[in-house]
Each structure stands twice: as structure tokens, then as C-alpha cells.
Amino acid sequence: MRLAPLPALLLLALAPLAQAQTPAAAESAKPVAVVNGKEIPALYGELVKREMAQGQPVTPELDTRVRESLINLELLSRAAIDKGIDKGANLAAAIDIRRKDMLAKAYLEDYLKTHPVTNAEITAVYDKAKAEPAEMEYRARHILVNSEAEAKKIIADLGKKAKFEDLAKKFSKDAGSAKNGGALDWADRGAYAKEFSDAMVALKKGETSKTPVKTQFGYHIIRLDDVRKSELPPLDVVRGEIVKQLQQQRIRDAIAAVRASAKID
């Protein structure tokens, strides 16, 4: 049920627009401040306050920080304009890109609102995934070392009845698994480097690799502890993930539509 990721710029644009929306009352409220005769609208204060608060309670101290920040912003931006800094090509381009980024965000948010994900679509995606053959999941252990010679020495020690878990704790460079005797969590083969996964799935349950397995991380000795078929979680558990994936598809549709009607050289 995985979908291709969105372009990086659009990911920036897709922070929920609702977080930046403010009740209409803020638009007619008392200005945050008046600087050199120019009002800083209350709406600006609400937008900055939401960004600064990051979900935390609003306090008088935060209101003060927001007010001072907006005053500084007004004064410094005016000083930049007075010096002609805003006419610089790099800054003008950066401002234009940011403006277009925000407009793209607003357009895509509106597209999602007017093309909502339906329960029927969610169920269809889930049923399709449920009908697909179950992937196999593997629980393995490994010992990661820097050189092939080290790996061969460990394989020889295992042949002399040394315990895999003890050698992993002593020699493995993978700190996360070494403390657990080299144990890795249940995962499908796609979770690992190809060289690792190819060697792992070729093992029988309880078997250890006879030769070092080289990946970009170093040399591995792998033991396959168990294998099972993956189980699809209940629909209620994955509903949110499916909705996000369908929304990503909606966004790709919106991008495809505007590109289809454009002349691009």
C-alpha cells in the first residue's frame, strides 16, 4: 500500500493549512502594534502565535514575544527596503519561490477539500491489500564488523561452538542490536540492504551464514531465527495511513491535471 513520495518543495507546502487559518474576528481586532504609523494587523499576530506556540498553551509571555517579533520584523524589513536590498535578484527569487510555495499549498489543500477521500475508497484499498499474497517476515540476528578477516574469525569461532549472542555483544559494530545479542526486529526483506536480505532469505530457520556478507555498512554474519507470514492489521488500525496515501494520490492527480493543461518547453 506504499505510494511514491511527493516532491520536496511540495512537502514543505503541505503542512496543514488549517493550522495557519485564523477566525475572521482576528481580521477586525485591534492591531498588534502601530510602527511608524503603519498597523501590524491582529491576523499577523495570530499566525505567528500559532507558529511559535507549536501546540503549547498561549501565555502573556508568548503574546509579548509575538508582538516584539513582529515589531522587529516590520522595522528590519522596512530598513531592507529603504536600502534597496529587496531588489537583489537572489532575495527576490527566494521571496517569489516562497510565495508560490504557499499558493501551491493553498491550492492543494482546497483540492483535497473538494475531492475528499470516501469510505468506499478506503475499503477498496484495504480489500486489495488483503487479497494480495502475504509477504514473508524474518527475524534475524547479525554481527557487523569492519573487515572480512574479522568476520571470518567470528564464523570460525561459531564453528567451535561459541555463542552467537555473546560474540554479537562483544564484537558487533551495530550498537542497537549488539546489546541484544545481535537481534533484529521482525521485518520483510525490503527493510535491509539487498546483499543482506538476499543472504538472509537463502538461510534455513536456525542457520547461520557460512561466509561474510558485505554491504555498505561492513561485513555481516547473519543467523535466521524465524520466519512468518505478515498479517495485515485491522482496517481501523491502518485507516489513517490509507487516508494519507489516498490523499497523496489526490495531490498527484492535481499536479498531473495542471501539468496536462500547461505548455512546457
C-alpha atoms as a PDB file:
ATOM      1  CA  MET A   1       0.000   0.000   0.000  1.00  0.00           C
ATOM      2  CA  ARG A   2       3.027   2.305  -0.351  1.00  0.00           C
ATOM      3  CA  LEU A   3       2.827   5.285  -2.686  1.00  0.00           C
ATOM      4  CA  ALA A   4       5.630   7.307  -4.230  1.00  0.00           C
ATOM      5  CA  PRO A   5       6.698  10.351  -2.164  1.00  0.00           C
ATOM      6  CA  LEU A   6       5.871  13.901  -3.193  1.00  0.00           C
ATOM      7  CA  PRO A   7       8.475  16.383  -4.433  1.00  0.00           C
ATOM      8  CA  ALA A   8      10.361  18.014  -1.546  1.00  0.00           C
ATOM      9  CA  LEU A   9       9.115  21.539  -2.240  1.00  0.00           C
ATOM     10  CA  LEU A  10       5.513  20.410  -2.173  1.00  0.00           C
ATOM     11  CA  LEU A  11       6.099  18.540   1.073  1.00  0.00           C
ATOM     12  CA  LEU A  12       7.010  21.898   2.573  1.00  0.00           C
ATOM     13  CA  ALA A  13       3.841  23.344   1.148  1.00  0.00           C
ATOM     14  CA  LEU A  14       1.646  20.629   2.573  1.00  0.00           C
ATOM     15  CA  ALA A  15       1.923  21.474   6.263  1.00  0.00           C
ATOM     16  CA  PRO A  16      -1.786  21.590   7.196  1.00  0.00           C
ATOM     17  CA  LEU A  17      -3.217  24.887   6.050  1.00  0.00           C
ATOM     18  CA  ALA A  18      -5.773  24.747   8.844  1.00  0.00           C
ATOM     19  CA  GLN A  19      -3.022  25.429  11.349  1.00  0.00           C
ATOM     20  CA  ALA A  20      -2.414  28.761   9.682  1.00  0.00           C
ATOM     21  CA  GLN A  21      -6.071  29.745   9.424  1.00  0.00           C
ATOM     22  CA  THR A  22      -7.489  32.209  11.919  1.00  0.00           C
ATOM     23  CA  PRO A  23     -11.068  33.137  12.900  1.00  0.00           C
ATOM     24  CA  ALA A  24     -12.432  36.063  10.912  1.00  0.00           C
ATOM     25  CA  ALA A  25     -12.682  38.058  14.171  1.00  0.00           C
ATOM     26  CA  ALA A  26      -8.909  38.403  14.184  1.00  0.00           C
ATOM     27  CA  GLU A  27      -9.071  40.327  10.929  1.00  0.00           C
ATOM     28  CA  SER A  28     -11.059  43.140  12.581  1.00  0.00           C
ATOM     29  CA  ALA A  29      -9.374  43.021  16.012  1.00  0.00           C
ATOM     30  CA  LYS A  30      -7.059  45.665  17.440  1.00  0.00           C
ATOM     31  CA  PRO A  31      -3.676  45.790  15.676  1.00  0.00           C
ATOM     32  CA  VAL A  32      -0.746  44.092  17.364  1.00  0.00           C
ATOM     33  CA  ALA A  33       1.149  47.394  17.191  1.00  0.00           C
ATOM     34  CA  VAL A  34       1.468  50.563  15.138  1.00  0.00           C
ATOM     35  CA  VAL A  35       5.013  51.142  13.882  1.00  0.00           C
ATOM     36  CA  ASN A  36       5.836  54.494  12.303  1.00  0.00           C
ATOM     37  CA  GLY A  37       2.157  54.956  11.578  1.00  0.00           C
ATOM     38  CA  LYS A  38       1.723  51.507   9.981  1.00  0.00           C
ATOM     39  CA  GLU A  39      -0.561  48.978  11.648  1.00  0.00           C
ATOM     40  CA  ILE A  40       0.504  45.385  12.186  1.00  0.00           C
ATOM     41  CA  PRO A  41      -2.817  43.530  11.805  1.00  0.00           C
ATOM     42  CA  ALA A  42      -4.062  41.220  14.560  1.00  0.00           C
ATOM     43  CA  LEU A  43      -4.215  38.464  11.940  1.00  0.00           C
ATOM     44  CA  TYR A  44      -0.426  38.589  11.665  1.00  0.00           C
ATOM     45  CA  GLY A  45      -0.185  38.141  15.400  1.00  0.00           C
ATOM     46  CA  GLU A  46      -2.444  35.097  15.363  1.00  0.00           C
ATOM     47  CA  LEU A  47      -0.475  33.454  12.572  1.00  0.00           C
ATOM     48  CA  VAL A  48       2.890  33.998  14.260  1.00  0.00           C
ATOM     49  CA  LYS A  49       1.482  32.979  17.632  1.00  0.00           C
ATOM     50  CA  ARG A  50       0.345  29.623  16.277  1.00  0.00           C
ATOM     51  CA  GLU A  51       3.761  29.013  14.776  1.00  0.00           C
ATOM     52  CA  MET A  52       5.605  29.982  17.960  1.00  0.00           C
ATOM     53  CA  ALA A  53       3.262  28.088  20.279  1.00  0.00           C
ATOM     54  CA  GLN A  54       3.727  24.746  18.485  1.00  0.00           C
ATOM     55  CA  GLY A  55       0.599  23.430  20.192  1.00  0.00           C
ATOM     56  CA  GLN A  56       1.581  24.718  23.627  1.00  0.00           C
ATOM     57  CA  PRO A  57      -0.761  26.901  25.751  1.00  0.00           C
ATOM     58  CA  VAL A  58      -0.819  30.587  24.876  1.00  0.00           C
ATOM     59  CA  THR A  59       0.577  32.759  27.683  1.00  0.00           C
ATOM     60  CA  PRO A  60       1.046  36.522  28.191  1.00  0.00           C
ATOM     61  CA  GLU A  61       4.776  35.943  27.722  1.00  0.00           C
ATOM     62  CA  LEU A  62       4.090  34.408  24.307  1.00  0.00           C
ATOM     63  CA  ASP A  63       1.900  37.361  23.348  1.00  0.00           C
ATOM     64  CA  THR A  64       4.775  39.684  24.259  1.00  0.00           C
ATOM     65  CA  ARG A  65       7.268  37.640  22.222  1.00  0.00           C
ATOM     66  CA  VAL A  66       4.934  37.687  19.228  1.00  0.00           C
ATOM     67  CA  ARG A  67       4.428  41.449  19.471  1.00  0.00           C
ATOM     68  CA  GLU A  68       8.146  42.173  19.784  1.00  0.00           C
ATOM     69  CA  SER A  69       8.980  39.799  16.949  1.00  0.00           C
ATOM     70  CA  LEU A  70       6.506  41.446  14.598  1.00  0.00           C
ATOM     71  CA  ILE A  71       7.730  44.936  15.523  1.00  0.00           C
ATOM     72  CA  ASN A  72      11.301  43.869  14.796  1.00  0.00           C
ATOM     73  CA  LEU A  73      10.172  42.250  11.566  1.00  0.00           C
ATOM     74  CA  GLU A  74       8.428  45.414  10.424  1.00  0.00           C
ATOM     75  CA  LEU A  75      11.379  47.651  11.274  1.00  0.00           C
ATOM     76  CA  LEU A  76      14.042  45.394   9.780  1.00  0.00           C
ATOM     77  CA  SER A  77      12.098  44.670   6.594  1.00  0.00           C
ATOM     78  CA  ARG A  78      11.484  48.384   6.112  1.00  0.00           C
ATOM     79  CA  ALA A  79      15.178  49.086   6.651  1.00  0.00           C
ATOM     80  CA  ALA A  80      15.998  46.456   3.999  1.00  0.00           C
ATOM     81  CA  ILE A  81      13.581  48.054   1.537  1.00  0.00           C
ATOM     82  CA  ASP A  82      14.998  51.529   2.230  1.00  0.00           C
ATOM     83  CA  LYS A  83      18.466  50.213   1.381  1.00  0.00           C
ATOM     84  CA  GLY A  84      17.186  48.561  -1.797  1.00  0.00           C
ATOM     85  CA  ILE A  85      18.069  45.083  -0.550  1.00  0.00           C
ATOM     86  CA  ASP A  86      14.711  43.795  -1.738  1.00  0.00           C
ATOM     87  CA  LYS A  87      15.794  44.487  -5.302  1.00  0.00           C
ATOM     88  CA  GLY A  88      18.566  41.873  -5.138  1.00  0.00           C
ATOM     89  CA  ALA A  89      17.997  39.009  -7.569  1.00  0.00           C
ATOM     90  CA  ASN A  90      18.600  36.217  -5.050  1.00  0.00           C
ATOM     91  CA  LEU A  91      16.263  37.660  -2.417  1.00  0.00           C
ATOM     92  CA  ALA A  92      13.579  38.486  -4.966  1.00  0.00           C
ATOM     93  CA  ALA A  93      13.752  34.929  -6.283  1.00  0.00           C
ATOM     94  CA  ALA A  94      13.587  33.439  -2.768  1.00  0.00           C
ATOM     95  CA  ILE A  95      10.539  35.568  -1.924  1.00  0.00           C
ATOM     96  CA  ASP A  96       8.829  34.604  -5.163  1.00  0.00           C
ATOM     97  CA  ILE A  97       9.501  30.884  -4.600  1.00  0.00           C
ATOM     98  CA  ARG A  98       8.131  31.079  -1.057  1.00  0.00           C
ATOM     99  CA  ARG A  99       5.028  32.909  -2.285  1.00  0.00           C
ATOM    100  CA  LYS A 100       4.422  30.282  -4.958  1.00  0.00           C
ATOM    101  CA  ASP A 101       5.038  27.547  -2.411  1.00  0.00           C
ATOM    102  CA  MET A 102       2.322  28.942  -0.159  1.00  0.00           C
ATOM    103  CA  LEU A 103      -0.066  29.355  -3.087  1.00  0.00           C
ATOM    104  CA  ALA A 104       0.576  25.749  -4.114  1.00  0.00           C
ATOM    105  CA  LYS A 105      -0.163  24.703  -0.549  1.00  0.00           C
ATOM    106  CA  ALA A 106      -3.449  26.587  -0.554  1.00  0.00           C
ATOM    107  CA  TYR A 107      -4.450  25.120  -3.916  1.00  0.00           C
ATOM    108  CA  LEU A 108      -3.690  21.538  -2.898  1.00  0.00           C
ATOM    109  CA  GLU A 109      -5.472  21.923   0.429  1.00  0.00           C
ATOM    110  CA  ASP A 110      -8.517  23.232  -1.441  1.00  0.00           C
ATOM    111  CA  TYR A 111      -8.269  20.312  -3.890  1.00  0.00           C
ATOM    112  CA  LEU A 112      -8.322  17.827  -1.009  1.00  0.00           C
ATOM    113  CA  LYS A 113     -11.370  19.534   0.472  1.00  0.00           C
ATOM    114  CA  THR A 114     -13.261  19.393  -2.811  1.00  0.00           C
ATOM    115  CA  HIS A 115     -12.122  15.825  -3.556  1.00  0.00           C
ATOM    116  CA  PRO A 116     -12.481  14.112  -0.161  1.00  0.00           C
ATOM    117  CA  VAL A 117     -11.457  10.518   0.412  1.00  0.00           C
ATOM    118  CA  THR A 118     -14.519   8.273   0.731  1.00  0.00           C
ATOM    119  CA  ASN A 119     -15.096   5.244   2.919  1.00  0.00           C
ATOM    120  CA  ALA A 120     -15.610   3.167  -0.222  1.00  0.00           C
ATOM    121  CA  GLU A 121     -12.136   4.086  -1.457  1.00  0.00           C
ATOM    122  CA  ILE A 122     -10.588   3.273   1.909  1.00  0.00           C
ATOM    123  CA  THR A 123     -12.282  -0.111   1.986  1.00  0.00           C
ATOM    124  CA  ALA A 124     -11.253  -0.848  -1.614  1.00  0.00           C
ATOM    125  CA  VAL A 125      -7.581  -0.161  -0.855  1.00  0.00           C
ATOM    126  CA  TYR A 126      -7.735  -2.316   2.257  1.00  0.00           C
ATOM    127  CA  ASP A 127      -9.507  -5.193   0.483  1.00  0.00           C
ATOM    128  CA  LYS A 128      -6.966  -5.094  -2.341  1.00  0.00           C
ATOM    129  CA  ALA A 129      -4.082  -5.296   0.118  1.00  0.00           C
ATOM    130  CA  LYS A 130      -5.827  -8.097   1.987  1.00  0.00           C
ATOM    131  CA  ALA A 131      -6.238 -10.101  -1.225  1.00  0.00           C
ATOM    132  CA  GLU A 132      -2.567  -9.859  -2.123  1.00  0.00           C
ATOM    133  CA  PRO A 133      -0.253 -12.736  -1.153  1.00  0.00           C
ATOM    134  CA  ALA A 134       1.152 -12.176   2.321  1.00  0.00           C
ATOM    135  CA  GLU A 135       4.769 -11.082   2.435  1.00  0.00           C
ATOM    136  CA  MET A 136       7.182 -13.083   4.499  1.00  0.00           C
ATOM    137  CA  GLU A 137       8.721 -11.501   7.576  1.00  0.00           C
ATOM    138  CA  TYR A 138      12.050 -12.516   9.015  1.00  0.00           C
ATOM    139  CA  ARG A 139      13.561 -12.355  12.477  1.00  0.00           C
ATOM    140  CA  ALA A 140      17.316 -12.493  12.247  1.00  0.00           C
ATOM    141  CA  ARG A 141      20.456 -11.763  14.217  1.00  0.00           C
ATOM    142  CA  HIS A 142      23.656 -10.335  12.840  1.00  0.00           C
ATOM    143  CA  ILE A 143      27.157  -9.394  13.816  1.00  0.00           C
ATOM    144  CA  LEU A 144      28.591  -6.406  11.975  1.00  0.00           C
ATOM    145  CA  VAL A 145      32.350  -5.893  11.744  1.00  0.00           C
ATOM    146  CA  ASN A 146      34.645  -3.714   9.662  1.00  0.00           C
ATOM    147  CA  SER A 147      36.722  -6.305   7.815  1.00  0.00           C
ATOM    148  CA  GLU A 148      36.279  -9.618   6.068  1.00  0.00           C
ATOM    149  CA  ALA A 149      39.072 -11.087   8.185  1.00  0.00           C
ATOM    150  CA  GLU A 150      37.202 -10.219  11.396  1.00  0.00           C
ATOM    151  CA  ALA A 151      34.028 -11.766  10.002  1.00  0.00           C
ATOM    152  CA  LYS A 152      35.810 -14.980   9.030  1.00  0.00           C
ATOM    153  CA  LYS A 153      37.348 -15.229  12.503  1.00  0.00           C
ATOM    154  CA  ILE A 154      33.901 -14.941  14.101  1.00  0.00           C
ATOM    155  CA  ILE A 155      32.476 -17.570  11.741  1.00  0.00           C
ATOM    156  CA  ALA A 156      35.337 -19.868  12.783  1.00  0.00           C
ATOM    157  CA  ASP A 157      34.588 -19.223  16.456  1.00  0.00           C
ATOM    158  CA  LEU A 158      30.937 -20.068  15.868  1.00  0.00           C
ATOM    159  CA  GLY A 159      32.101 -23.328  14.358  1.00  0.00           C
ATOM    160  CA  LYS A 160      33.870 -24.017  17.640  1.00  0.00           C
ATOM    161  CA  LYS A 161      30.532 -23.700  19.470  1.00  0.00           C
ATOM    162  CA  ALA A 162      30.909 -20.085  20.571  1.00  0.00           C
ATOM    163  CA  LYS A 163      27.503 -18.479  21.245  1.00  0.00           C
ATOM    164  CA  PHE A 164      26.294 -16.115  18.555  1.00  0.00           C
ATOM    165  CA  GLU A 165      24.727 -13.801  21.115  1.00  0.00           C
ATOM    166  CA  ASP A 166      27.954 -13.483  23.108  1.00  0.00           C
ATOM    167  CA  LEU A 167      30.034 -12.712  20.026  1.00  0.00           C
ATOM    168  CA  ALA A 168      27.500 -10.129  18.879  1.00  0.00           C
ATOM    169  CA  LYS A 169      27.637  -8.312  22.216  1.00  0.00           C
ATOM    170  CA  LYS A 170      31.437  -8.355  22.144  1.00  0.00           C
ATOM    171  CA  PHE A 171      32.286  -7.589  18.516  1.00  0.00           C
ATOM    172  CA  SER A 172      29.312  -6.171  16.608  1.00  0.00           C
ATOM    173  CA  LYS A 173      29.596  -2.553  15.470  1.00  0.00           C
ATOM    174  CA  ASP A 174      25.805  -2.241  15.290  1.00  0.00           C
ATOM    175  CA  ALA A 175      25.263  -0.784  18.750  1.00  0.00           C
ATOM    176  CA  GLY A 176      21.476  -1.016  18.515  1.00  0.00           C
ATOM    177  CA  SER A 177      21.378  -4.780  18.050  1.00  0.00           C
ATOM    178  CA  ALA A 178      24.675  -5.759  19.706  1.00  0.00           C
ATOM    179  CA  LYS A 179      23.318  -5.204  23.210  1.00  0.00           C
ATOM    180  CA  ASN A 180      20.533  -7.675  22.387  1.00  0.00           C
ATOM    181  CA  GLY A 181      22.860 -10.341  21.101  1.00  0.00           C
ATOM    182  CA  GLY A 182      22.561  -9.109  17.515  1.00  0.00           C
ATOM    183  CA  ALA A 183      18.758  -9.474  17.466  1.00  0.00           C
ATOM    184  CA  LEU A 184      16.834  -7.538  14.814  1.00  0.00           C
ATOM    185  CA  ASP A 185      13.099  -6.864  14.843  1.00  0.00           C
ATOM    186  CA  TRP A 186      10.644  -8.711  12.626  1.00  0.00           C
ATOM    187  CA  ALA A 187      10.862  -7.185   9.139  1.00  0.00           C
ATOM    188  CA  ASP A 188      10.341  -8.027   5.486  1.00  0.00           C
ATOM    189  CA  ARG A 189      13.356  -8.314   3.223  1.00  0.00           C
ATOM    190  CA  GLY A 190      12.852  -4.814   1.901  1.00  0.00           C
ATOM    191  CA  ALA A 191      13.952  -3.393   5.238  1.00  0.00           C
ATOM    192  CA  TYR A 192      17.552  -4.441   4.627  1.00  0.00           C
ATOM    193  CA  ALA A 193      20.302  -3.809   2.100  1.00  0.00           C
ATOM    194  CA  LYS A 194      19.886  -6.130  -0.889  1.00  0.00           C
ATOM    195  CA  GLU A 195      23.066  -8.092  -0.172  1.00  0.00           C
ATOM    196  CA  PHE A 196      21.934  -8.651   3.400  1.00  0.00           C
ATOM    197  CA  SER A 197      18.371  -9.645   2.507  1.00  0.00           C
ATOM    198  CA  ASP A 198      19.491 -11.984  -0.291  1.00  0.00           C
ATOM    199  CA  ALA A 199      21.777 -13.833   2.098  1.00  0.00           C
ATOM    200  CA  MET A 200      19.174 -13.861   4.876  1.00  0.00           C
ATOM    201  CA  VAL A 201      16.314 -15.340   2.830  1.00  0.00           C
ATOM    202  CA  ALA A 202      18.628 -18.034   1.493  1.00  0.00           C
ATOM    203  CA  LEU A 203      19.156 -19.366   5.023  1.00  0.00           C
ATOM    204  CA  LYS A 204      17.054 -22.051   6.640  1.00  0.00           C
ATOM    205  CA  LYS A 205      15.487 -21.381  10.006  1.00  0.00           C
ATOM    206  CA  GLY A 206      18.213 -21.567  12.665  1.00  0.00           C
ATOM    207  CA  GLU A 207      21.037 -21.479  10.085  1.00  0.00           C
ATOM    208  CA  THR A 208      23.988 -19.066  10.134  1.00  0.00           C
ATOM    209  CA  SER A 209      25.720 -17.663   7.050  1.00  0.00           C
ATOM    210  CA  LYS A 210      28.874 -19.611   6.217  1.00  0.00           C
ATOM    211  CA  THR A 211      30.674 -16.692   4.563  1.00  0.00           C
ATOM    212  CA  PRO A 212      30.774 -12.966   5.367  1.00  0.00           C
ATOM    213  CA  VAL A 213      28.077 -10.835   3.766  1.00  0.00           C
ATOM    214  CA  LYS A 214      29.362  -7.490   2.555  1.00  0.00           C
ATOM    215  CA  THR A 215      27.137  -4.399   2.469  1.00  0.00           C
ATOM    216  CA  GLN A 216      27.815  -0.677   2.504  1.00  0.00           C
ATOM    217  CA  PHE A 217      27.943  -0.891   6.307  1.00  0.00           C
ATOM    218  CA  GLY A 218      30.652  -3.534   6.564  1.00  0.00           C
ATOM    219  CA  TYR A 219      30.730  -7.325   6.860  1.00  0.00           C
ATOM    220  CA  HIS A 220      27.866  -9.269   8.428  1.00  0.00           C
ATOM    221  CA  ILE A 221      27.441 -12.711   9.897  1.00  0.00           C
ATOM    222  CA  ILE A 222      23.721 -13.499   9.790  1.00  0.00           C
ATOM    223  CA  ARG A 223      21.615 -16.032  11.648  1.00  0.00           C
ATOM    224  CA  LEU A 224      17.988 -16.564  10.674  1.00  0.00           C
ATOM    225  CA  ASP A 225      15.950 -17.247  13.809  1.00  0.00           C
ATOM    226  CA  ASP A 226      12.391 -17.386  12.489  1.00  0.00           C
ATOM    227  CA  VAL A 227      10.098 -16.754   9.510  1.00  0.00           C
ATOM    228  CA  ARG A 228       6.394 -15.954   9.359  1.00  0.00           C
ATOM    229  CA  LYS A 229       3.745 -14.603   7.033  1.00  0.00           C
ATOM    230  CA  SER A 230       2.928 -10.968   7.673  1.00  0.00           C
ATOM    231  CA  GLU A 231      -0.595 -10.182   8.853  1.00  0.00           C
ATOM    232  CA  LEU A 232      -2.490  -7.124   7.694  1.00  0.00           C
ATOM    233  CA  PRO A 233      -3.643  -5.086  10.728  1.00  0.00           C
ATOM    234  CA  PRO A 234      -7.388  -4.440  11.157  1.00  0.00           C
ATOM    235  CA  LEU A 235      -8.841  -1.688   8.990  1.00  0.00           C
ATOM    236  CA  ASP A 236      -9.377   0.640  11.952  1.00  0.00           C
ATOM    237  CA  VAL A 237      -5.665   0.467  12.754  1.00  0.00           C
ATOM    238  CA  VAL A 238      -4.464   1.379   9.247  1.00  0.00           C
ATOM    239  CA  ARG A 239      -7.337   3.671   8.219  1.00  0.00           C
ATOM    240  CA  GLY A 240      -5.306   6.819   8.864  1.00  0.00           C
ATOM    241  CA  GLU A 241      -2.399   5.539   6.792  1.00  0.00           C
ATOM    242  CA  ILE A 242      -4.718   4.630   3.912  1.00  0.00           C
ATOM    243  CA  VAL A 243      -6.323   8.078   4.022  1.00  0.00           C
ATOM    244  CA  LYS A 244      -2.894   9.715   3.805  1.00  0.00           C
ATOM    245  CA  GLN A 245      -1.936   7.525   0.861  1.00  0.00           C
ATOM    246  CA  LEU A 246      -5.164   8.301  -0.976  1.00  0.00           C
ATOM    247  CA  GLN A 247      -4.667  11.996  -0.303  1.00  0.00           C
ATOM    248  CA  GLN A 248      -1.170  11.751  -1.742  1.00  0.00           C
ATOM    249  CA  GLN A 249      -2.710  10.203  -4.851  1.00  0.00           C
ATOM    250  CA  ARG A 250      -5.209  13.071  -4.996  1.00  0.00           C
ATOM    251  CA  ILE A 251      -2.299  15.509  -4.884  1.00  0.00           C
ATOM    252  CA  ARG A 252      -0.519  13.689  -7.672  1.00  0.00           C
ATOM    253  CA  ASP A 253      -3.759  13.868  -9.660  1.00  0.00           C
ATOM    254  CA  ALA A 254      -3.978  17.621  -9.070  1.00  0.00           C
ATOM    255  CA  ILE A 255      -0.372  18.119 -10.165  1.00  0.00           C
ATOM    256  CA  ALA A 256      -0.919  15.942 -13.243  1.00  0.00           C
ATOM    257  CA  ALA A 257      -4.026  17.939 -14.177  1.00  0.00           C
ATOM    258  CA  VAL A 258      -2.328  21.346 -14.075  1.00  0.00           C
ATOM    259  CA  ARG A 259       0.672  19.993 -15.956  1.00  0.00           C
ATOM    260  CA  ALA A 260      -1.552  18.420 -18.615  1.00  0.00           C
ATOM    261  CA  SER A 261      -3.135  21.780 -19.426  1.00  0.00           C
ATOM    262  CA  ALA A 262       0.176  23.647 -19.465  1.00  0.00           C
ATOM    263  CA  LYS A 263       2.609  24.365 -22.307  1.00  0.00           C
ATOM    264  CA  ILE A 264       6.035  23.344 -21.010  1.00  0.00           C
ATOM    265  CA  ASP A 265       9.135  23.787 -23.154  1.00  0.00           C
END
